[in-house]
Amino acid sequence: MEQQVQLGDIVRMKKPHPCGSSEWEVLRVGMDFRLKCQGCGHLVMLPRPKFERMMRGIVRHAAPQS
């Protein structure tokens, strides 16, 4: 039941950011994930194991590139 996270997806995390938003945009995928807060625009890097523990689910998939 592993969910495939791709660039541009909006994900919901367990704990909200101090600004109040718990939705993040995925900007980088690999051993580390780069995320952008959808509330205030703050950027963070998380190692893959921590990201996988903290992610609740995918809110919206990225639009397919054509």
PDB file of N, CA and C in Angstrom:
ATOM      1  N   MET A   1       0.832  -1.191   0.000  1.00  0.00           N
ATOM      2  CA  MET A   1       0.000   0.000   0.000  1.00  0.00           C
ATOM      3  C   MET A   1       0.876   1.255   0.000  1.00  0.00           C
ATOM      4  N   GLU A   2       2.063   1.130  -0.540  1.00  0.00           N
ATOM      5  CA  GLU A   2       2.986   2.262  -0.636  1.00  0.00           C
ATOM      6  C   GLU A   2       2.474   3.267  -1.666  1.00  0.00           C
ATOM      7  N   GLN A   3       2.388   4.528  -1.282  1.00  0.00           N
ATOM      8  CA  GLN A   3       1.942   5.566  -2.204  1.00  0.00           C
ATOM      9  C   GLN A   3       3.159   6.161  -2.908  1.00  0.00           C
ATOM     10  N   GLN A   4       3.042   6.362  -4.203  1.00  0.00           N
ATOM     11  CA  GLN A   4       4.123   6.934  -4.981  1.00  0.00           C
ATOM     12  C   GLN A   4       4.003   8.453  -4.971  1.00  0.00           C
ATOM     13  N   VAL A   5       4.964   9.110  -4.356  1.00  0.00           N
ATOM     14  CA  VAL A   5       4.985  10.569  -4.292  1.00  0.00           C
ATOM     15  C   VAL A   5       5.835  11.079  -5.443  1.00  0.00           C
ATOM     16  N   GLN A   6       5.303  12.047  -6.188  1.00  0.00           N
ATOM     17  CA  GLN A   6       6.011  12.615  -7.325  1.00  0.00           C
ATOM     18  C   GLN A   6       6.201  14.109  -7.131  1.00  0.00           C
ATOM     19  N   LEU A   7       7.074  14.692  -7.928  1.00  0.00           N
ATOM     20  CA  LEU A   7       7.288  16.136  -7.881  1.00  0.00           C
ATOM     21  C   LEU A   7       5.983  16.868  -8.144  1.00  0.00           C
ATOM     22  N   GLY A   8       5.716  17.888  -7.360  1.00  0.00           N
ATOM     23  CA  GLY A   8       4.529  18.702  -7.553  1.00  0.00           C
ATOM     24  C   GLY A   8       3.313  18.226  -6.778  1.00  0.00           C
ATOM     25  N   ASP A   9       3.365  17.021  -6.183  1.00  0.00           N
ATOM     26  CA  ASP A   9       2.237  16.539  -5.384  1.00  0.00           C
ATOM     27  C   ASP A   9       2.075  17.388  -4.128  1.00  0.00           C
ATOM     28  N   ILE A  10       0.840  17.497  -3.659  1.00  0.00           N
ATOM     29  CA  ILE A  10       0.554  18.149  -2.383  1.00  0.00           C
ATOM     30  C   ILE A  10       0.261  17.038  -1.380  1.00  0.00           C
ATOM     31  N   VAL A  11       1.038  16.997  -0.296  1.00  0.00           N
ATOM     32  CA  VAL A  11       0.873  15.952   0.714  1.00  0.00           C
ATOM     33  C   VAL A  11       0.442  16.559   2.043  1.00  0.00           C
ATOM     34  N   ARG A  12      -0.256  15.741   2.845  1.00  0.00           N
ATOM     35  CA  ARG A  12      -0.664  16.149   4.193  1.00  0.00           C
ATOM     36  C   ARG A  12       0.255  15.435   5.182  1.00  0.00           C
ATOM     37  N   MET A  13       0.782  16.209   6.127  1.00  0.00           N
ATOM     38  CA  MET A  13       1.688  15.660   7.131  1.00  0.00           C
ATOM     39  C   MET A  13       0.963  15.523   8.471  1.00  0.00           C
ATOM     40  N   LYS A  14       1.526  14.715   9.375  1.00  0.00           N
ATOM     41  CA  LYS A  14       0.910  14.466  10.684  1.00  0.00           C
ATOM     42  C   LYS A  14       0.729  15.743  11.493  1.00  0.00           C
ATOM     43  N   LYS A  15       1.816  16.476  11.654  1.00  0.00           N
ATOM     44  CA  LYS A  15       1.767  17.679  12.487  1.00  0.00           C
ATOM     45  C   LYS A  15       1.733  18.924  11.614  1.00  0.00           C
ATOM     46  N   PRO A  16       0.913  19.897  11.979  1.00  0.00           N
ATOM     47  CA  PRO A  16       0.885  21.131  11.185  1.00  0.00           C
ATOM     48  C   PRO A  16       2.133  21.981  11.408  1.00  0.00           C
ATOM     49  N   HIS A  17       2.451  22.787  10.415  1.00  0.00           N
ATOM     50  CA  HIS A  17       3.531  23.767  10.518  1.00  0.00           C
ATOM     51  C   HIS A  17       3.075  24.842  11.507  1.00  0.00           C
ATOM     52  N   PRO A  18       3.977  25.554  12.152  1.00  0.00           N
ATOM     53  CA  PRO A  18       3.563  26.623  13.080  1.00  0.00           C
ATOM     54  C   PRO A  18       2.623  27.664  12.472  1.00  0.00           C
ATOM     55  N   CYS A  19       2.623  27.818  11.142  1.00  0.00           N
ATOM     56  CA  CYS A  19       1.719  28.776  10.504  1.00  0.00           C
ATOM     57  C   CYS A  19       0.280  28.237  10.477  1.00  0.00           C
ATOM     58  N   GLY A  20       0.105  26.939  10.754  1.00  0.00           N
ATOM     59  CA  GLY A  20      -1.233  26.354  10.806  1.00  0.00           C
ATOM     60  C   GLY A  20      -1.557  25.405   9.663  1.00  0.00           C
ATOM     61  N   SER A  21      -0.749  25.398   8.617  1.00  0.00           N
ATOM     62  CA  SER A  21      -1.011  24.549   7.458  1.00  0.00           C
ATOM     63  C   SER A  21      -0.343  23.179   7.640  1.00  0.00           C
ATOM     64  N   SER A  22      -1.029  22.114   7.239  1.00  0.00           N
ATOM     65  CA  SER A  22      -0.420  20.782   7.283  1.00  0.00           C
ATOM     66  C   SER A  22      -0.242  20.218   5.871  1.00  0.00           C
ATOM     67  N   GLU A  23      -0.406  21.067   4.865  1.00  0.00           N
ATOM     68  CA  GLU A  23      -0.227  20.651   3.471  1.00  0.00           C
ATOM     69  C   GLU A  23       1.078  21.206   2.920  1.00  0.00           C
ATOM     70  N   TRP A  24       1.808  20.343   2.203  1.00  0.00           N
ATOM     71  CA  TRP A  24       3.125  20.677   1.673  1.00  0.00           C
ATOM     72  C   TRP A  24       3.233  20.256   0.224  1.00  0.00           C
ATOM     73  N   GLU A  25       3.952  21.044  -0.580  1.00  0.00           N
ATOM     74  CA  GLU A  25       4.225  20.689  -1.973  1.00  0.00           C
ATOM     75  C   GLU A  25       5.587  20.015  -2.046  1.00  0.00           C
ATOM     76  N   VAL A  26       5.691  18.913  -2.767  1.00  0.00           N
ATOM     77  CA  VAL A  26       6.945  18.172  -2.930  1.00  0.00           C
ATOM     78  C   VAL A  26       7.755  18.813  -4.049  1.00  0.00           C
ATOM     79  N   LEU A  27       8.954  19.304  -3.706  1.00  0.00           N
ATOM     80  CA  LEU A  27       9.821  19.961  -4.682  1.00  0.00           C
ATOM     81  C   LEU A  27      11.010  19.093  -5.088  1.00  0.00           C
ATOM     82  N   ARG A  28      11.339  18.078  -4.256  1.00  0.00           N
ATOM     83  CA  ARG A  28      12.474  17.201  -4.566  1.00  0.00           C
ATOM     84  C   ARG A  28      12.159  15.830  -3.999  1.00  0.00           C
ATOM     85  N   VAL A  29      12.480  14.783  -4.763  1.00  0.00           N
ATOM     86  CA  VAL A  29      12.273  13.405  -4.330  1.00  0.00           C
ATOM     87  C   VAL A  29      13.589  12.668  -4.477  1.00  0.00           C
ATOM     88  N   GLY A  30      13.954  11.888  -3.485  1.00  0.00           N
ATOM     89  CA  GLY A  30      15.191  11.113  -3.523  1.00  0.00           C
ATOM     90  C   GLY A  30      15.462  10.601  -2.125  1.00  0.00           C
ATOM     91  N   MET A  31      16.721  10.604  -1.719  1.00  0.00           N
ATOM     92  CA  MET A  31      17.054  10.212  -0.352  1.00  0.00           C
ATOM     93  C   MET A  31      16.527  11.250   0.632  1.00  0.00           C
ATOM     94  N   ASP A  32      16.423  12.482   0.179  1.00  0.00           N
ATOM     95  CA  ASP A  32      15.828  13.569   0.962  1.00  0.00           C
ATOM     96  C   ASP A  32      14.650  14.117   0.186  1.00  0.00           C
ATOM     97  N   PHE A  33      13.680  14.650   0.921  1.00  0.00           N
ATOM     98  CA  PHE A  33      12.525  15.294   0.303  1.00  0.00           C
ATOM     99  C   PHE A  33      12.592  16.774   0.621  1.00  0.00           C
ATOM    100  N   ARG A  34      12.400  17.620  -0.381  1.00  0.00           N
ATOM    101  CA  ARG A  34      12.314  19.066  -0.174  1.00  0.00           C
ATOM    102  C   ARG A  34      10.844  19.415  -0.274  1.00  0.00           C
ATOM    103  N   LEU A  35      10.338  20.093   0.768  1.00  0.00           N
ATOM    104  CA  LEU A  35       8.926  20.425   0.850  1.00  0.00           C
ATOM    105  C   LEU A  35       8.740  21.920   1.017  1.00  0.00           C
ATOM    106  N   LYS A  36       7.636  22.422   0.448  1.00  0.00           N
ATOM    107  CA  LYS A  36       7.289  23.838   0.571  1.00  0.00           C
ATOM    108  C   LYS A  36       5.926  23.926   1.253  1.00  0.00           C
ATOM    109  N   CYS A  37       5.859  24.659   2.364  1.00  0.00           N
ATOM    110  CA  CYS A  37       4.608  24.831   3.096  1.00  0.00           C
ATOM    111  C   CYS A  37       3.619  25.602   2.233  1.00  0.00           C
ATOM    112  N   GLN A  38       2.389  25.114   2.162  1.00  0.00           N
ATOM    113  CA  GLN A  38       1.367  25.765   1.352  1.00  0.00           C
ATOM    114  C   GLN A  38       0.752  26.963   2.071  1.00  0.00           C
ATOM    115  N   GLY A  39       1.031  27.113   3.362  1.00  0.00           N
ATOM    116  CA  GLY A  39       0.518  28.254   4.109  1.00  0.00           C
ATOM    117  C   GLY A  39       1.412  29.477   4.009  1.00  0.00           C
ATOM    118  N   CYS A  40       2.710  29.277   4.294  1.00  0.00           N
ATOM    119  CA  CYS A  40       3.609  30.433   4.373  1.00  0.00           C
ATOM    120  C   CYS A  40       4.768  30.381   3.379  1.00  0.00           C
ATOM    121  N   GLY A  41       4.961  29.251   2.688  1.00  0.00           N
ATOM    122  CA  GLY A  41       6.028  29.167   1.697  1.00  0.00           C
ATOM    123  C   GLY A  41       7.373  28.740   2.249  1.00  0.00           C
ATOM    124  N   HIS A  42       7.447  28.365   3.531  1.00  0.00           N
ATOM    125  CA  HIS A  42       8.700  27.929   4.152  1.00  0.00           C
ATOM    126  C   HIS A  42       9.180  26.632   3.503  1.00  0.00           C
ATOM    127  N   LEU A  43      10.500  26.516   3.269  1.00  0.00           N
ATOM    128  CA  LEU A  43      11.086  25.329   2.650  1.00  0.00           C
ATOM    129  C   LEU A  43      11.808  24.495   3.704  1.00  0.00           C
ATOM    130  N   VAL A  44      11.615  23.171   3.646  1.00  0.00           N
ATOM    131  CA  VAL A  44      12.313  22.265   4.559  1.00  0.00           C
ATOM    132  C   VAL A  44      12.823  21.059   3.777  1.00  0.00           C
ATOM    133  N   MET A  45      13.864  20.424   4.321  1.00  0.00           N
ATOM    134  CA  MET A  45      14.383  19.166   3.777  1.00  0.00           C
ATOM    135  C   MET A  45      14.193  18.105   4.854  1.00  0.00           C
ATOM    136  N   LEU A  46      13.648  16.952   4.453  1.00  0.00           N
ATOM    137  CA  LEU A  46      13.461  15.833   5.376  1.00  0.00           C
ATOM    138  C   LEU A  46      14.101  14.585   4.782  1.00  0.00           C
ATOM    139  N   PRO A  47      14.777  13.782   5.617  1.00  0.00           N
ATOM    140  CA  PRO A  47      15.273  12.502   5.113  1.00  0.00           C
ATOM    141  C   PRO A  47      14.091  11.573   4.801  1.00  0.00           C
ATOM    142  N   ARG A  48      14.265  10.679   3.849  1.00  0.00           N
ATOM    143  CA  ARG A  48      13.187   9.795   3.395  1.00  0.00           C
ATOM    144  C   ARG A  48      12.496   9.031   4.538  1.00  0.00           C
ATOM    145  N   PRO A  49      13.225   8.405   5.477  1.00  0.00           N
ATOM    146  CA  PRO A  49      12.520   7.659   6.535  1.00  0.00           C
ATOM    147  C   PRO A  49      11.599   8.549   7.385  1.00  0.00           C
ATOM    148  N   LYS A  50      12.040   9.760   7.699  1.00  0.00           N
ATOM    149  CA  LYS A  50      11.215  10.665   8.488  1.00  0.00           C
ATOM    150  C   LYS A  50       9.999  11.128   7.685  1.00  0.00           C
ATOM    151  N   PHE A  51      10.205  11.438   6.396  1.00  0.00           N
ATOM    152  CA  PHE A  51       9.101  11.851   5.544  1.00  0.00           C
ATOM    153  C   PHE A  51       8.040  10.758   5.476  1.00  0.00           C
ATOM    154  N   GLU A  52       8.475   9.506   5.273  1.00  0.00           N
ATOM    155  CA  GLU A  52       7.522   8.398   5.156  1.00  0.00           C
ATOM    156  C   GLU A  52       6.745   8.175   6.445  1.00  0.00           C
ATOM    157  N   ARG A  53       7.376   8.396   7.599  1.00  0.00           N
ATOM    158  CA  ARG A  53       6.679   8.278   8.891  1.00  0.00           C
ATOM    159  C   ARG A  53       5.675   9.401   9.094  1.00  0.00           C
ATOM    160  N   MET A  54       6.042  10.620   8.667  1.00  0.00           N
ATOM    161  CA  MET A  54       5.229  11.801   8.943  1.00  0.00           C
ATOM    162  C   MET A  54       4.098  12.031   7.942  1.00  0.00           C
ATOM    163  N   MET A  55       4.184  11.442   6.746  1.00  0.00           N
ATOM    164  CA  MET A  55       3.183  11.696   5.722  1.00  0.00           C
ATOM    165  C   MET A  55       1.887  10.941   6.020  1.00  0.00           C
ATOM    166  N   ARG A  56       0.771  11.654   5.955  1.00  0.00           N
ATOM    167  CA  ARG A  56      -0.553  11.045   6.137  1.00  0.00           C
ATOM    168  C   ARG A  56      -1.144  10.582   4.810  1.00  0.00           C
ATOM    169  N   GLY A  57      -0.941  11.358   3.745  1.00  0.00           N
ATOM    170  CA  GLY A  57      -1.484  10.966   2.451  1.00  0.00           C
ATOM    171  C   GLY A  57      -1.289  12.065   1.422  1.00  0.00           C
ATOM    172  N   ILE A  58      -1.616  11.725   0.192  1.00  0.00           N
ATOM    173  CA  ILE A  58      -1.513  12.675  -0.914  1.00  0.00           C
ATOM    174  C   ILE A  58      -2.854  13.375  -1.066  1.00  0.00           C
ATOM    175  N   VAL A  59      -2.844  14.701  -0.967  1.00  0.00           N
ATOM    176  CA  VAL A  59      -4.055  15.507  -1.101  1.00  0.00           C
ATOM    177  C   VAL A  59      -4.402  15.673  -2.569  1.00  0.00           C
ATOM    178  N   ARG A  60      -3.387  15.991  -3.388  1.00  0.00           N
ATOM    179  CA  ARG A  60      -3.609  16.246  -4.815  1.00  0.00           C
ATOM    180  C   ARG A  60      -2.354  15.853  -5.579  1.00  0.00           C
ATOM    181  N   HIS A  61      -2.552  15.132  -6.660  1.00  0.00           N
ATOM    182  CA  HIS A  61      -1.418  14.742  -7.504  1.00  0.00           C
ATOM    183  C   HIS A  61      -1.059  15.898  -8.422  1.00  0.00           C
ATOM    184  N   ALA A  62       0.201  15.913  -8.829  1.00  0.00           N
ATOM    185  CA  ALA A  62       0.673  16.936  -9.759  1.00  0.00           C
ATOM    186  C   ALA A  62       0.002  16.732 -11.110  1.00  0.00           C
ATOM    187  N   ALA A  63      -0.194  17.811 -11.817  1.00  0.00           N
ATOM    188  CA  ALA A  63      -0.770  17.735 -13.169  1.00  0.00           C
ATOM    189  C   ALA A  63       0.235  17.030 -14.067  1.00  0.00           C
ATOM    190  N   PRO A  64      -0.216  16.098 -14.903  1.00  0.00           N
ATOM    191  CA  PRO A  64       0.705  15.416 -15.812  1.00  0.00           C
ATOM    192  C   PRO A  64       1.337  16.411 -16.794  1.00  0.00           C
ATOM    193  N   GLN A  65       2.627  16.231 -16.996  1.00  0.00           N
ATOM    194  CA  GLN A  65       3.337  17.134 -17.903  1.00  0.00           C
ATOM    195  C   GLN A  65       3.187  16.635 -19.319  1.00  0.00           C
ATOM    196  N   SER A  66       2.908  17.545 -20.240  1.00  0.00           N
ATOM    197  CA  SER A  66       2.732  17.130 -21.637  1.00  0.00           C
ATOM    198  C   SER A  66       3.688  17.834 -22.556  1.00  0.00           C
TER     199      SER A  66
END
